[in-house]
Protein backbone atom coordinates (compact mmCIF):
# COMPACT_ATOMS: atom_id res chain seq x y z
CA MET A 1 -0.03 -0.13 0.02
CA LYS A 2 2.44 2.42 1.07
CA ARG A 3 5.33 3.63 -1.09
CA PHE A 4 8.21 5.83 -2.17
CA PHE A 5 10.42 7.98 0.12
CA SER A 6 8.88 9.94 3.08
CA LEU A 7 9.43 11.98 -0.08
CA ALA A 8 10.52 15.41 0.97
CA ILE A 9 12.91 13.95 3.61
CA VAL A 10 14.46 11.59 1.10
CA LEU A 11 15.25 14.28 -1.64
CA ILE A 12 16.57 16.67 1.30
CA ALA A 13 18.93 13.99 2.41
CA ALA A 14 19.73 13.55 -1.08
CA PHE A 15 21.08 16.94 -1.92
CA GLY A 16 22.24 17.38 1.83
CA CYS A 17 24.22 14.29 2.13
CA ALA A 18 22.28 12.95 5.15
CA THR A 19 20.47 9.51 6.27
CA ALA A 20 16.98 9.20 6.49
CA GLN A 21 14.80 6.60 8.17
CA ASN A 22 11.30 6.09 9.23
CA VAL A 23 8.25 4.03 10.45
CA GLN A 24 5.02 4.61 9.74
CA LEU A 25 1.51 3.08 10.72
CA HIS A 26 -1.50 3.40 8.39
CA TYR A 27 -5.04 2.53 9.11
CA ASP A 28 -6.75 1.99 5.94
CA LEU A 29 -10.40 3.08 5.55
CA GLY A 30 -11.06 1.46 2.34
CA HIS A 31 -13.26 -1.54 3.73
CA SER A 32 -15.63 1.38 4.95
CA LEU A 33 -16.02 3.42 1.91
CA TYR A 34 -16.30 0.51 -0.41
CA ASN A 35 -18.84 -2.33 -0.40
CA ASP A 36 -16.21 -4.25 -2.53
CA LEU A 37 -13.18 -4.01 -0.55
CA ASN A 38 -14.40 -5.69 2.77
CA SER A 39 -11.59 -8.11 2.54
CA ARG A 40 -8.94 -5.36 2.56
CA THR A 41 -6.66 -5.12 5.27
CA SER A 42 -6.84 -2.59 7.91
CA VAL A 43 -3.55 -1.66 9.25
CA THR A 44 -0.15 -1.62 7.23
CA THR A 45 3.14 -0.47 8.64
CA THR A 46 6.03 0.84 6.50
CA VAL A 47 9.68 0.93 7.15
CA GLU A 48 11.64 3.32 4.86
CA MET A 49 15.46 3.91 4.83
CA PHE A 50 17.69 6.32 2.51
CA LYS A 51 21.46 6.58 2.50
CA PRO A 52 23.49 8.63 0.09
CA ASP A 53 27.19 7.89 -0.57
CA THR A 54 29.79 9.17 -2.80
CA TRP A 55 28.44 7.56 -6.06
CA GLY A 56 24.72 8.04 -5.49
CA SER A 57 21.97 6.77 -3.20
CA THR A 58 20.30 3.51 -2.10
CA PHE A 59 16.52 3.70 -0.99
CA MET A 60 14.55 0.88 0.19
CA PHE A 61 11.03 0.39 1.98
CA THR A 62 8.88 -2.64 3.52
CA ASP A 63 5.21 -2.65 3.97
CA ILE A 64 3.79 -5.24 6.22
CA ASP A 65 -0.31 -5.60 6.23
CA TYR A 66 -2.06 -7.12 9.12
CA LYS A 67 -5.12 -8.79 9.80
CA GLY A 68 -6.51 -9.75 13.04
CA ASP A 69 -4.50 -13.00 13.64
CA GLY A 70 -1.38 -11.13 12.45
CA ALA A 71 0.79 -10.35 9.43
CA MET A 72 -0.45 -11.92 6.08
CA GLY A 73 1.47 -9.84 3.32
CA ALA A 74 4.88 -8.46 2.82
CA TYR A 75 5.84 -5.91 -0.28
CA TRP A 76 9.69 -4.33 -0.55
CA GLU A 77 11.09 -2.19 -3.10
CA ILE A 78 14.77 -1.11 -3.55
CA ALA A 79 16.29 1.41 -5.81
CA ARG A 80 19.90 2.43 -6.31
CA GLU A 81 20.51 5.69 -8.17
CA PHE A 82 24.31 6.51 -9.59
CA ASN A 83 25.05 10.22 -10.15
CA LEU A 84 25.78 11.14 -13.83
CA SER A 85 26.13 15.05 -13.07
CA LYS A 86 28.19 16.97 -10.53
CA ASN A 87 25.00 18.73 -9.13
CA LYS A 88 23.40 15.54 -8.66
CA GLN A 89 20.26 16.26 -10.44
CA TRP A 90 20.66 13.93 -13.23
CA ALA A 91 21.05 10.05 -12.51
CA ALA A 92 20.96 6.43 -13.60
CA HIS A 93 17.95 4.47 -11.52
CA VAL A 94 17.69 0.55 -10.94
CA GLU A 95 14.87 -0.82 -9.18
CA TYR A 96 13.53 -3.84 -7.70
CA ASN A 97 9.76 -4.50 -6.48
CA GLY A 98 8.57 -8.13 -5.08
CA GLY A 99 6.73 -9.42 -2.38
CA LEU A 100 4.46 -12.27 -1.08
CA VAL A 101 0.99 -12.86 0.53
CA THR A 102 0.06 -15.63 2.70
CA ASN A 103 -3.54 -16.34 1.40
CA GLU A 104 -4.22 -14.28 -2.08
CA LEU A 105 -7.44 -15.93 -2.54
CA GLU A 106 -8.98 -15.49 0.79
CA TYR A 107 -7.67 -11.77 1.11
CA GLY A 108 -8.38 -10.78 -2.70
CA TYR A 109 -5.26 -9.64 -2.85
CA ASP A 110 -3.49 -7.29 -5.55
CA GLY A 111 -1.60 -9.82 -7.54
CA ASN A 112 0.06 -7.31 -9.98
CA ARG A 113 1.84 -5.73 -6.87
CA TYR A 114 3.51 -9.20 -6.30
CA GLN A 115 4.44 -9.65 -10.06
CA HIS A 116 7.95 -9.47 -9.27
CA ALA A 117 9.60 -6.52 -11.54
CA VAL A 118 12.90 -4.68 -12.28
CA LEU A 119 13.37 -1.45 -13.56
CA LEU A 120 16.15 0.35 -15.25
CA GLY A 121 16.32 4.10 -16.54
CA GLY A 122 17.09 7.60 -15.65
CA ALA A 123 15.92 10.20 -12.93
CA TRP A 124 15.98 13.80 -12.69
CA ASN A 125 16.07 15.33 -8.98
CA TRP A 126 15.31 19.07 -8.25
CA ALA A 127 15.13 21.03 -4.85
CA SER A 128 15.00 24.44 -3.77
CA LYS A 129 17.82 26.26 -2.28
CA ASP A 130 16.20 25.88 1.14
CA PHE A 131 14.88 22.36 0.27
CA SER A 132 11.73 23.07 1.46
CA LYS A 133 10.43 21.95 -2.34
CA THR A 134 11.39 19.07 -4.15
CA PHE A 135 10.70 16.93 -7.12
CA SER A 136 11.81 13.68 -9.16
CA LEU A 137 11.03 12.83 -12.24
CA GLN A 138 12.02 9.02 -13.55
CA LEU A 139 11.23 7.40 -16.71
CA MET A 140 12.09 3.71 -16.71
CA TYR A 141 12.03 0.25 -18.69
CA LYS A 142 10.10 -2.17 -16.67
CA TYR A 143 10.17 -5.92 -16.98
CA GLN A 144 7.70 -7.82 -14.96
CA PHE A 145 8.11 -11.65 -14.44
CA LYS A 146 5.89 -14.32 -14.67
CA ASN A 147 3.15 -14.64 -12.01
CA ALA A 148 2.32 -18.54 -12.69
CA HIS A 149 -0.43 -18.47 -9.83
CA LYS A 150 -2.51 -15.69 -11.67
CA GLY A 151 -1.52 -17.28 -15.33
CA TYR A 152 0.48 -13.74 -16.17
CA ASN A 153 3.04 -14.26 -18.57
CA PRO A 154 6.37 -12.02 -18.50
CA PHE A 155 6.11 -8.79 -19.98
CA SER A 156 8.25 -5.74 -20.73
CA GLY A 157 6.83 -2.00 -20.56
CA PHE A 158 7.53 1.25 -19.41
CA GLN A 159 7.22 3.01 -15.95
CA LEU A 160 7.17 7.13 -15.39
CA THR A 161 7.07 8.27 -11.77
CA GLU A 162 6.68 11.59 -10.33
CA VAL A 163 7.87 12.35 -6.55
CA TRP A 164 7.15 15.76 -5.02
CA GLY A 165 7.25 17.11 -1.62
CA THR A 166 7.06 20.48 0.05
CA THR A 167 7.24 21.90 3.87
CA PHE A 168 5.50 24.99 4.64
CA ALA A 169 4.06 26.82 7.86
CA LYS A 170 7.50 27.17 9.07
CA GLY A 171 8.10 23.19 8.90
CA LEU A 172 4.92 22.40 10.80
CA CYS A 173 3.35 20.84 7.75
CA THR A 174 4.56 18.47 4.87
CA PHE A 175 2.67 17.63 1.56
CA SER A 176 4.27 14.93 -0.47
CA GLY A 177 3.49 12.06 -2.66
CA PHE A 178 4.23 10.23 -5.87
CA CYS A 179 2.46 8.88 -8.94
CA ASP A 180 3.37 5.62 -11.01
CA LEU A 181 1.89 5.25 -14.38
CA TRP A 182 2.94 2.17 -16.25
CA TYR A 183 2.39 -0.31 -19.10
CA ASP A 184 0.50 -3.56 -18.06
CA PRO A 185 -1.48 -5.83 -20.65
CA ASN A 186 -3.38 -7.96 -18.22
CA VAL A 187 -5.64 -4.58 -17.68
CA ASN A 188 -8.07 -2.45 -19.36
CA GLY A 189 -6.40 0.41 -21.45
CA LYS A 190 -3.14 -1.64 -20.87
CA LEU A 191 -2.01 1.45 -18.29
CA VAL A 192 -2.14 1.17 -14.43
CA LEU A 193 -2.14 4.51 -12.52
CA ILE A 194 -1.30 4.56 -8.78
CA SER A 195 -0.66 7.83 -6.72
CA GLU A 196 -0.31 8.39 -2.89
CA PRO A 197 -0.39 12.04 -1.78
CA GLN A 198 0.41 12.18 2.02
CA PHE A 199 -0.24 15.41 4.46
CA TRP A 200 1.63 15.17 7.32
CA VAL A 201 1.83 17.66 10.70
CA ASN A 202 5.16 17.59 12.27
CA LEU A 203 4.99 17.85 15.84
CA ASN A 204 8.71 18.48 16.38
CA THR A 205 8.02 22.01 15.69
CA LEU A 206 5.86 22.70 18.14
CA LYS A 207 7.00 24.61 21.43
CA GLY A 208 8.46 22.03 23.71
CA MET A 209 8.31 19.02 21.19
CA LYS A 210 11.72 19.55 19.56
CA ASP A 211 12.68 16.18 20.24
CA VAL A 212 9.48 14.55 19.47
CA ASN A 213 9.93 13.44 16.07
CA LEU A 214 6.35 12.25 15.47
CA SER A 215 4.05 13.24 12.38
CA LEU A 216 0.53 12.99 12.40
CA GLY A 217 -1.51 13.03 9.11
CA THR A 218 -3.04 10.94 5.96
CA GLU A 219 -2.41 9.33 2.91
CA VAL A 220 -4.89 8.56 -0.22
CA GLU A 221 -4.27 5.94 -2.18
CA ILE A 222 -5.45 6.96 -5.90
CA SER A 223 -5.43 3.85 -7.99
CA ASN A 224 -7.16 2.87 -11.40
CA ASN A 225 -6.40 -0.86 -12.67
CA PHE A 226 -4.29 -1.64 -9.51
CA ILE A 227 -6.57 -2.79 -6.50
CA TYR A 228 -8.05 -6.04 -6.71
CA ASN A 229 -11.65 -5.91 -4.86
CA ASP A 230 -13.59 -8.85 -3.20
CA ASN A 231 -15.00 -10.16 -6.63
CA PHE A 232 -10.82 -10.35 -7.84
CA ALA A 233 -11.40 -7.46 -10.31
CA HIS A 234 -8.95 -4.73 -10.53
CA ASN A 235 -10.27 -2.56 -13.69
CA ARG A 236 -11.76 0.26 -11.79
CA PHE A 237 -10.78 3.67 -10.04
CA TYR A 238 -10.41 4.16 -6.11
CA ALA A 239 -9.41 6.76 -3.86
CA ILE A 240 -8.72 5.53 -0.21
CA PRO A 241 -7.54 7.78 2.76
CA THR A 242 -5.67 6.54 5.80
CA VAL A 243 -5.21 7.63 9.05
CA ALA A 244 -1.57 7.60 9.80
CA ALA A 245 1.65 8.51 12.21
CA LYS A 246 5.33 8.41 11.39
CA TRP A 247 8.16 8.59 13.36
CA THR A 248 11.44 9.84 11.54
CA PHE A 249 14.71 8.70 13.15
């Protein structure tokens, strides 16, 4: 469910040569808003890590989904960028996506998500002088491996990713997010869209809370042809909010 960076923090770290890690907890409201998402999990935890080095940067995150009887699915991504310019704006990008689910048929899970994929392409990264605004654009070749359980054959395509972040109100608020668009021959229109904008209130900017690195907020999963519903269909649009908390290390 969750994806890509703690977006402003990661790009700030990319340009400022610092590390960034955080843990997020999301309560998903999809089962309450849509009648065909009753089997959707309610709770997801996300762990993110970003680390730059001399050659570029490494980013990875892991999502774990939970039902009442415990963890029932996991998904992770790892991406590596190699700087191509001295100002670090241009980079080569390589990425892996994959995961597993304990009982896909029972929970109506998104099989495309767990069809392992590798991506290779380029990235353009930008940040304002004070790093309060950031933006990244990635265009990649994408190869998805065979998913024997769903009968999907391997295929090649493209993925376009935009990542943004802006911090305002003297650091109190952060608006960040990503948008992915990729080719998939198994869906109507052969295109999948997913975007997850996040809004955070950063409590460490409040008086007397300097060392409380807790942010409270929300994420909205906006998708088309991505989420599998209770009928095991995925050719429709959803906009699913969460109630969320994040601790940044």
